Protein backbone atom coordinates (compact mmCIF):
# COMPACT_ATOMS: atom_id res chain seq x y z
CA MET A 1 24.90 -100.49 -30.93
CA PRO A 2 23.48 -101.05 -27.46
CA SER A 3 22.49 -104.65 -28.26
CA LYS A 4 26.06 -105.48 -29.26
CA ALA A 5 27.42 -103.95 -26.01
CA VAL A 6 24.93 -105.94 -23.93
CA GLY A 7 25.79 -109.12 -25.84
CA THR A 8 29.53 -108.62 -25.33
CA GLY A 9 29.03 -107.92 -21.61
CA THR A 10 26.90 -111.04 -21.23
CA PHE A 11 29.53 -113.11 -23.06
CA PHE A 12 32.28 -111.95 -20.70
CA ALA A 13 30.09 -112.58 -17.64
CA ILE A 14 29.39 -116.15 -18.82
CA LEU A 15 33.11 -116.62 -19.52
CA ILE A 16 34.04 -115.49 -16.00
CA PHE A 17 31.39 -117.77 -14.48
CA TYR A 18 32.74 -120.64 -16.57
CA LEU A 19 36.34 -120.02 -15.50
CA MET A 20 35.32 -119.69 -11.85
CA GLU A 21 33.49 -123.01 -11.90
CA ALA A 22 36.31 -124.68 -13.85
CA PHE A 23 38.85 -123.60 -11.23
CA ARG A 24 36.53 -124.82 -8.48
CA GLN A 25 36.19 -128.26 -10.16
CA LEU A 26 39.98 -128.49 -10.50
CA ASN A 27 40.38 -127.63 -6.77
CA PHE A 28 42.34 -124.53 -7.73
CA ALA A 29 40.94 -122.27 -4.98
CA TYR A 30 43.21 -119.33 -5.80
CA GLY A 31 42.04 -119.16 -9.43
CA SER A 32 38.41 -119.49 -8.36
CA GLN A 33 38.87 -116.67 -5.86
CA ILE A 34 40.47 -114.44 -8.52
CA MET A 35 37.54 -115.03 -10.88
CA ALA A 36 35.06 -114.27 -8.09
CA GLU A 37 36.87 -110.96 -7.43
CA VAL A 38 36.89 -110.13 -11.15
CA LEU A 39 33.16 -110.87 -11.31
CA THR A 40 32.48 -108.68 -8.27
CA LEU A 41 34.55 -105.78 -9.57
CA SER A 42 33.09 -105.96 -13.06
CA GLY A 43 29.59 -105.97 -11.58
CA GLN A 44 30.42 -102.84 -9.58
CA VAL A 45 31.86 -101.12 -12.64
CA VAL A 46 28.81 -101.99 -14.77
CA PHE A 47 26.37 -100.85 -12.11
CA GLY A 48 28.35 -97.62 -11.55
CA ALA A 49 28.26 -96.95 -15.28
CA ILE A 50 24.50 -97.48 -15.25
CA ILE A 51 24.18 -94.93 -12.43
CA ILE A 52 26.31 -92.42 -14.34
CA PHE A 53 24.26 -93.04 -17.49
CA ALA A 54 21.05 -92.56 -15.48
CA SER A 55 22.14 -89.03 -14.62
CA ILE A 56 20.98 -88.15 -18.14
CA VAL A 57 17.60 -87.72 -16.46
CA ALA A 58 18.97 -84.28 -15.55
CA ARG A 59 18.12 -83.08 -19.04
CA PHE A 60 14.44 -83.97 -18.57
CA VAL A 61 14.33 -82.39 -15.12
CA ALA A 62 15.86 -79.17 -16.49
CA HIS A 63 13.31 -79.07 -19.32
CA ALA A 64 10.48 -79.57 -16.82
CA ILE A 65 11.78 -76.66 -14.77
CA GLU A 66 12.17 -74.45 -17.86
CA ARG A 67 8.53 -75.05 -18.88
CA ASN A 68 7.45 -72.89 -15.94
CA ASN A 69 8.67 -69.76 -17.82
CA ASP A 70 9.44 -67.78 -14.66
CA GLN A 71 12.43 -65.49 -14.25
CA GLY A 72 14.07 -67.82 -11.70
CA THR A 73 13.75 -70.90 -13.88
CA ARG A 74 16.30 -69.58 -16.37
CA VAL A 75 18.90 -69.71 -13.62
CA ALA A 76 17.59 -72.76 -11.77
CA ALA A 77 17.30 -75.16 -14.73
CA PRO A 78 21.02 -75.21 -15.68
CA LEU A 79 22.05 -75.35 -12.02
CA VAL A 80 19.77 -78.32 -11.37
CA ARG A 81 21.02 -80.09 -14.51
CA ILE A 82 24.67 -79.61 -13.54
CA ALA A 83 24.01 -80.62 -9.92
CA ILE A 84 22.28 -83.88 -10.98
CA ILE A 85 25.05 -84.76 -13.42
CA ILE A 86 27.77 -84.10 -10.84
CA LEU A 87 25.93 -86.00 -8.14
CA GLY A 88 25.16 -88.94 -10.45
CA THR A 89 28.77 -89.13 -11.60
CA ALA A 90 30.05 -88.98 -8.04
CA ILE A 91 27.65 -91.73 -6.90
CA GLY A 92 28.57 -93.88 -9.90
CA LEU A 93 32.31 -93.47 -9.33
CA ARG A 94 31.89 -94.15 -5.62
CA PHE A 95 29.88 -97.31 -6.35
CA MET A 96 32.62 -98.45 -8.71
CA GLY A 97 35.12 -98.05 -5.89
CA LEU A 98 37.14 -95.51 -7.85
CA ALA A 99 38.48 -92.33 -6.32
CA ASP A 100 36.61 -92.42 -2.99
CA ASP A 101 39.03 -89.99 -1.35
CA ILE A 102 38.98 -87.65 -4.34
CA ILE A 103 35.19 -87.53 -4.33
CA ASN A 104 35.06 -86.84 -0.58
CA LEU A 105 37.67 -84.10 -0.94
CA ALA A 106 35.91 -82.58 -3.95
CA PHE A 107 32.54 -82.42 -2.21
CA GLY A 108 34.13 -80.99 0.94
CA LEU A 109 35.93 -78.32 -1.07
CA LEU A 110 32.79 -77.56 -3.09
CA LEU A 111 30.64 -77.10 0.01
CA GLY A 112 33.38 -75.03 1.66
CA ALA A 113 33.63 -72.81 -1.41
CA ILE A 114 29.86 -72.32 -1.45
CA ALA A 115 29.87 -71.41 2.25
CA VAL A 116 32.71 -68.92 1.77
CA ALA A 117 30.93 -67.43 -1.25
CA PHE A 118 27.73 -66.92 0.73
CA ALA A 119 29.64 -65.47 3.66
CA LEU A 120 31.49 -63.02 1.39
CA ALA A 121 28.31 -62.10 -0.48
CA PHE A 122 26.47 -61.45 2.76
CA GLY A 123 29.41 -59.70 4.41
CA LEU A 124 30.50 -57.48 1.54
CA GLY A 125 27.49 -57.15 -0.72
CA GLY A 126 24.75 -57.35 1.88
CA ARG A 127 26.11 -55.08 4.58
CA ASP A 128 22.96 -52.94 4.57
CA ALA A 129 20.67 -55.98 4.58
CA ALA A 130 22.64 -57.49 7.45
CA GLY A 131 22.38 -54.22 9.39
CA THR A 132 18.61 -54.06 9.00
CA ALA A 133 18.27 -57.75 9.94
CA VAL A 134 20.34 -57.25 13.11
CA ARG A 135 18.39 -54.07 13.91
CA ARG A 136 15.10 -55.97 13.61
CA MET A 137 16.39 -58.75 15.86
CA LEU A 138 17.54 -56.21 18.45
CA ASP A 139 14.21 -54.36 18.33
CA GLY A 140 12.34 -57.62 18.88
CA ALA A 141 14.61 -58.61 21.77
CA LYS A 142 14.49 -55.07 23.22
CA SER A 143 10.74 -55.10 23.54
CA SER A 144 10.78 -58.36 25.49
CA ASP A 145 13.90 -57.81 27.61
CA GLY A 146 13.96 -54.32 29.07
CA PRO A 147 14.42 -50.62 28.47
CA ALA A 148 16.55 -49.41 25.59
CA VAL A 149 19.71 -47.34 25.93
CA THR A 150 21.23 -45.25 23.15
CA GLY A 151 24.69 -46.48 22.13
CA ALA A 152 27.74 -44.53 20.99
CA ARG A 153 26.59 -44.28 17.35
CA GLY A 154 23.00 -43.33 18.21
CA GLU A 155 21.59 -46.84 17.76
CA GLU A 156 19.41 -48.43 20.37
CA THR A 157 20.94 -51.30 22.35
CA MET A 158 19.50 -53.64 24.95
CA ALA A 159 19.92 -52.71 28.58
CA GLY A 160 18.60 -55.99 29.88
CA SER A 161 20.44 -58.93 31.31
CA LEU A 162 23.27 -58.77 28.72
CA ASN A 163 24.50 -55.32 29.79
CA ARG A 164 23.82 -55.70 33.53
CA PRO A 165 27.02 -55.80 35.57
CA GLN A 166 27.30 -58.86 37.77
CA SER A 167 29.67 -59.38 40.62
CA GLY A 168 31.94 -62.35 40.80
CA SER A 169 30.47 -63.84 44.00
CA PHE A 170 27.69 -66.36 43.72
CA GLU A 171 25.72 -65.03 46.71
CA ASP A 172 25.18 -61.58 45.16
CA ARG A 173 23.07 -62.99 42.35
CA ASN A 174 19.32 -63.70 42.58
CA ASP A 175 19.59 -67.44 41.91
CA VAL A 176 21.31 -68.20 45.23
CA ARG A 177 17.97 -69.08 46.88
CA ASP A 178 17.45 -71.94 44.43
CA VAL A 179 20.67 -73.57 45.55
CA VAL A 180 20.17 -72.87 49.28
CA ASP A 181 16.65 -74.34 49.34
CA THR A 182 17.78 -77.54 47.62
CA PRO A 183 18.17 -80.46 50.09
CA ARG A 184 21.60 -82.08 50.24
CA PHE A 185 22.12 -85.82 50.40
């Protein structure tokens, strides 16, 4: 019963307050400090549990997404529900002060795994899509940079500033006049 759990929690909070004040009246600072720490930690644990319990809202969010009846919502609704539950649990555990390093490591590994998965999917599965995307970028840059030159495989490459040979001396380049005209102090 939720009312019994709330009543028991309130009883223990009153008991801790009572013990803390009793230790303070007896000039037993160490005992009072221990009770203050217990009260602080129990408050963090209770509030963290409330945050974890509030992640149940994920069910309602998933149902709201599913009501759209699109093709993408069948995939998105479970992903959103799982993401909210994982994030709510992580925030609750972090607020409790439990497993901070484990949560940081888990999120880092999760994001790294997602990045590697996207890189592999794009690199292996989307080789043709990547080729057309690069070709479009090169065509757009080619029209604004200079004449095109046919490469070894028959593709067009840019013959602009990227492929222009430059000598190693600074005076041979066109930007030497900018430096020469600048007054020196």
